[in-house]
Amino acid sequence: MAILLVTYDLKQPGQNYGPVHDYLRQFAHCKQMESVWLLDTTTTTETIREGVRARADNNDIVFVARLMREWSSWNYTCAAWLNDPARNW
């Protein structure tokens, strides 16, 4: 299992967030910032990238990275989610 950070920038024209959000909601997740999701999953970064890409336009930007336990935040409610013992680092 891993905690993945997923971020995207959906460009004009289109900006159809619905399919992207529906796809990401299927995973254990936390989302506080506009286009940033944290996923707790066994799915690879490449598979997540392709899942988002399949629901995005050709000019959109997608970035997926595996997080490690070393992180810090400020006023970020997903910090509690990340610190939950149920997380699968």
Protein backbone atom coordinates (compact mmCIF):
# COMPACT_ATOMS: atom_id res chain seq x y z
CA MET A 1 0.00 0.00 0.00
CA ALA A 2 1.02 3.59 -0.48
CA ILE A 3 -0.11 7.15 0.01
CA LEU A 4 -0.19 8.88 -3.36
CA LEU A 5 -0.41 12.58 -4.05
CA VAL A 6 -2.44 13.36 -7.17
CA THR A 7 -2.62 16.84 -8.61
CA TYR A 8 -3.88 18.13 -11.92
CA ASP A 9 -4.55 21.28 -13.87
CA LEU A 10 -7.50 20.98 -16.21
CA LYS A 11 -7.09 23.59 -18.94
CA GLN A 12 -9.55 25.42 -21.18
CA PRO A 13 -11.63 24.37 -23.05
CA GLY A 14 -13.46 21.72 -21.10
CA GLN A 15 -12.38 21.67 -17.47
CA ASN A 16 -14.74 18.77 -16.83
CA TYR A 17 -13.88 17.84 -13.24
CA GLY A 18 -16.79 15.42 -12.72
CA PRO A 19 -15.25 12.32 -14.31
CA VAL A 20 -11.85 12.99 -12.69
CA HIS A 21 -13.42 13.45 -9.25
CA ASP A 22 -15.63 10.38 -9.67
CA TYR A 23 -12.57 8.30 -10.54
CA LEU A 24 -10.51 9.54 -7.56
CA ARG A 25 -13.39 9.16 -5.08
CA GLN A 26 -13.31 5.39 -5.55
CA PHE A 27 -10.09 5.28 -3.49
CA ALA A 28 -9.66 5.99 0.23
CA HIS A 29 -8.84 9.67 -0.05
CA CYS A 30 -8.55 13.10 1.49
CA LYS A 31 -9.10 16.30 -0.50
CA GLN A 32 -8.84 19.76 1.00
CA MET A 33 -7.12 21.79 -1.71
CA GLU A 34 -8.63 22.55 -5.11
CA SER A 35 -6.80 20.10 -7.36
CA VAL A 36 -4.83 18.01 -4.84
CA TRP A 37 -5.90 14.58 -3.66
CA LEU A 38 -4.25 12.13 -1.28
CA LEU A 39 -5.03 8.48 -1.97
CA ASP A 40 -4.42 5.43 0.22
CA THR A 41 -4.15 2.63 -2.32
CA THR A 42 -2.24 -0.34 -3.71
CA THR A 43 -2.67 1.06 -7.21
CA THR A 44 0.52 2.23 -8.93
CA THR A 45 1.26 5.85 -9.75
CA GLU A 46 1.18 4.98 -13.45
CA THR A 47 -2.27 3.39 -13.19
CA ILE A 48 -3.66 6.40 -11.30
CA ARG A 49 -2.08 8.76 -13.85
CA GLU A 50 -3.65 6.86 -16.72
CA GLY A 51 -7.00 6.74 -14.93
CA VAL A 52 -7.02 10.51 -14.56
CA ARG A 53 -5.63 11.04 -18.05
CA ALA A 54 -8.41 8.92 -19.56
CA ARG A 55 -10.92 11.35 -18.02
CA ALA A 56 -9.04 14.53 -18.88
CA ASP A 57 -8.34 16.44 -22.09
CA ASN A 58 -5.11 16.18 -24.09
CA ASN A 59 -3.95 19.62 -22.92
CA ASP A 60 -4.47 18.93 -19.19
CA ILE A 61 -1.62 18.33 -16.73
CA VAL A 62 -1.49 15.38 -14.31
CA PHE A 63 1.13 14.62 -11.63
CA VAL A 64 1.11 11.56 -9.33
CA ALA A 65 3.77 10.81 -6.69
CA ARG A 66 4.20 8.38 -3.82
CA LEU A 67 4.54 10.14 -0.47
CA MET A 68 6.84 9.05 2.31
CA ARG A 69 6.26 9.53 6.02
CA GLU A 70 8.35 12.67 6.05
CA TRP A 71 6.05 15.60 5.31
CA SER A 72 4.84 18.76 6.99
CA SER A 73 1.85 21.06 6.63
CA TRP A 74 0.10 24.08 8.05
CA ASN A 75 -3.67 24.46 8.38
CA TYR A 76 -4.08 21.29 6.36
CA THR A 77 -6.95 19.12 7.60
CA CYS A 78 -5.65 16.14 5.63
CA ALA A 79 -2.77 16.03 8.13
CA ALA A 80 -5.05 14.23 10.58
CA TRP A 81 -5.98 11.80 7.79
CA LEU A 82 -2.30 11.19 7.06
CA ASN A 83 -1.52 10.67 10.76
CA ASP A 84 -4.34 8.16 11.21
CA PRO A 85 -2.86 4.74 12.18
CA ALA A 86 -5.11 3.20 9.53
CA ARG A 87 -3.01 4.80 6.77
CA ASN A 88 -1.01 2.29 4.75
CA TRP A 89 2.40 3.84 4.29
